[in-house]
């Protein structure tokens, strides 16, 4: 069983890795669509999704843990 703290740490790590990958992807892909963004704008766009991603990952982890625990009763 994974603790709530470890769920949060795992989700945060996933979000940080995703954030770095998203910034790199934006830098490559945006010009293909004619979107010109400064590096600071890329960072801001990415940060706007960090909170949502962190919450999503944590809540889904807790949901699946609850399902797993109920299934063992």
C-alpha atoms as a PDB file:
ATOM      1  CA  UNK A   1       0.000   0.000   0.000  1.00  0.00           C
ATOM      2  CA  UNK A   2       1.344   3.407  -0.962  1.00  0.00           C
ATOM      3  CA  UNK A   3       1.111   6.153   1.663  1.00  0.00           C
ATOM      4  CA  UNK A   4      -0.527   9.470   0.888  1.00  0.00           C
ATOM      5  CA  UNK A   5       2.844  11.194   1.182  1.00  0.00           C
ATOM      6  CA  UNK A   6       4.442   8.832  -1.333  1.00  0.00           C
ATOM      7  CA  UNK A   7       1.447   9.341  -3.648  1.00  0.00           C
ATOM      8  CA  UNK A   8       2.028  13.074  -3.477  1.00  0.00           C
ATOM      9  CA  UNK A   9       5.777  12.700  -4.077  1.00  0.00           C
ATOM     10  CA  UNK A  10       5.180  10.405  -7.057  1.00  0.00           C
ATOM     11  CA  UNK A  11       2.613  12.778  -8.540  1.00  0.00           C
ATOM     12  CA  UNK A  12       4.874  15.796  -8.011  1.00  0.00           C
ATOM     13  CA  UNK A  13       7.790  14.024  -9.690  1.00  0.00           C
ATOM     14  CA  UNK A  14       5.555  13.095 -12.599  1.00  0.00           C
ATOM     15  CA  UNK A  15       4.380  16.695 -12.936  1.00  0.00           C
ATOM     16  CA  UNK A  16       7.927  18.121 -12.832  1.00  0.00           C
ATOM     17  CA  UNK A  17       9.140  15.714 -15.505  1.00  0.00           C
ATOM     18  CA  UNK A  18       6.024  16.456 -17.563  1.00  0.00           C
ATOM     19  CA  UNK A  19       6.572  20.202 -17.139  1.00  0.00           C
ATOM     20  CA  UNK A  20      10.135  20.033 -18.461  1.00  0.00           C
ATOM     21  CA  UNK A  21       9.013  17.856 -21.363  1.00  0.00           C
ATOM     22  CA  UNK A  22       6.093  20.194 -22.117  1.00  0.00           C
ATOM     23  CA  UNK A  23       8.364  23.255 -22.243  1.00  0.00           C
ATOM     24  CA  UNK A  24      10.740  21.470 -24.612  1.00  0.00           C
ATOM     25  CA  UNK A  25       7.818  20.321 -26.762  1.00  0.00           C
ATOM     26  CA  UNK A  26       6.305  23.824 -26.879  1.00  0.00           C
ATOM     27  CA  UNK A  27       9.632  25.300 -27.984  1.00  0.00           C
ATOM     28  CA  UNK A  28       9.752  22.840 -30.877  1.00  0.00           C
ATOM     29  CA  UNK A  29       6.066  22.656 -31.836  1.00  0.00           C
ATOM     30  CA  UNK A  30       4.821  26.240 -31.412  1.00  0.00           C
ATOM     31  CA  UNK A  31       6.802  27.558 -34.396  1.00  0.00           C
ATOM     32  CA  UNK A  32       5.203  24.899 -36.615  1.00  0.00           C
ATOM     33  CA  UNK A  33       1.870  26.611 -35.930  1.00  0.00           C
ATOM     34  CA  UNK A  34       3.171  30.134 -36.247  1.00  0.00           C
ATOM     35  CA  UNK A  35       3.088  30.764 -32.523  1.00  0.00           C
ATOM     36  CA  UNK A  36       5.927  32.980 -31.386  1.00  0.00           C
ATOM     37  CA  UNK A  37       6.451  32.800 -27.629  1.00  0.00           C
ATOM     38  CA  UNK A  38       9.308  34.011 -25.487  1.00  0.00           C
ATOM     39  CA  UNK A  39      10.915  31.564 -23.078  1.00  0.00           C
ATOM     40  CA  UNK A  40       9.168  33.250 -20.148  1.00  0.00           C
ATOM     41  CA  UNK A  41       5.836  32.749 -21.899  1.00  0.00           C
ATOM     42  CA  UNK A  42       6.614  29.064 -22.387  1.00  0.00           C
ATOM     43  CA  UNK A  43       7.322  28.809 -18.657  1.00  0.00           C
ATOM     44  CA  UNK A  44       4.080  30.619 -17.774  1.00  0.00           C
ATOM     45  CA  UNK A  45       1.996  28.455 -20.085  1.00  0.00           C
ATOM     46  CA  UNK A  46       3.514  25.331 -18.599  1.00  0.00           C
ATOM     47  CA  UNK A  47       3.037  26.537 -15.024  1.00  0.00           C
ATOM     48  CA  UNK A  48      -0.644  27.193 -15.629  1.00  0.00           C
ATOM     49  CA  UNK A  49      -1.127  23.441 -15.986  1.00  0.00           C
ATOM     50  CA  UNK A  50       1.121  22.300 -13.135  1.00  0.00           C
ATOM     51  CA  UNK A  51      -1.471  22.674 -10.369  1.00  0.00           C
ATOM     52  CA  UNK A  52      -4.124  20.871 -12.369  1.00  0.00           C
ATOM     53  CA  UNK A  53      -1.721  18.075 -13.272  1.00  0.00           C
ATOM     54  CA  UNK A  54      -0.567  17.650  -9.694  1.00  0.00           C
ATOM     55  CA  UNK A  55      -4.126  17.495  -8.376  1.00  0.00           C
ATOM     56  CA  UNK A  56      -5.203  15.106 -11.138  1.00  0.00           C
ATOM     57  CA  UNK A  57      -2.334  12.714 -10.501  1.00  0.00           C
ATOM     58  CA  UNK A  58      -2.797  12.721  -6.742  1.00  0.00           C
ATOM     59  CA  UNK A  59      -6.574  12.277  -6.870  1.00  0.00           C
ATOM     60  CA  UNK A  60      -6.388   9.468  -9.417  1.00  0.00           C
ATOM     61  CA  UNK A  61      -3.732   7.696  -7.364  1.00  0.00           C
ATOM     62  CA  UNK A  62      -5.900   7.941  -4.247  1.00  0.00           C
ATOM     63  CA  UNK A  63      -8.984   6.773  -6.191  1.00  0.00           C
ATOM     64  CA  UNK A  64      -7.207   3.700  -7.504  1.00  0.00           C
ATOM     65  CA  UNK A  65      -5.765   2.979  -4.062  1.00  0.00           C
ATOM     66  CA  UNK A  66      -9.278   3.149  -2.596  1.00  0.00           C
ATOM     67  CA  UNK A  67     -10.533   0.773  -5.288  1.00  0.00           C
ATOM     68  CA  UNK A  68      -7.665  -1.602  -4.556  1.00  0.00           C
ATOM     69  CA  UNK A  69      -8.340  -1.571  -0.813  1.00  0.00           C
ATOM     70  CA  UNK A  70     -12.085  -2.177  -1.298  1.00  0.00           C
ATOM     71  CA  UNK A  71     -11.311  -5.071  -3.609  1.00  0.00           C
ATOM     72  CA  UNK A  72      -9.321  -6.827  -0.872  1.00  0.00           C
ATOM     73  CA  UNK A  73     -12.187  -6.748   1.676  1.00  0.00           C
END
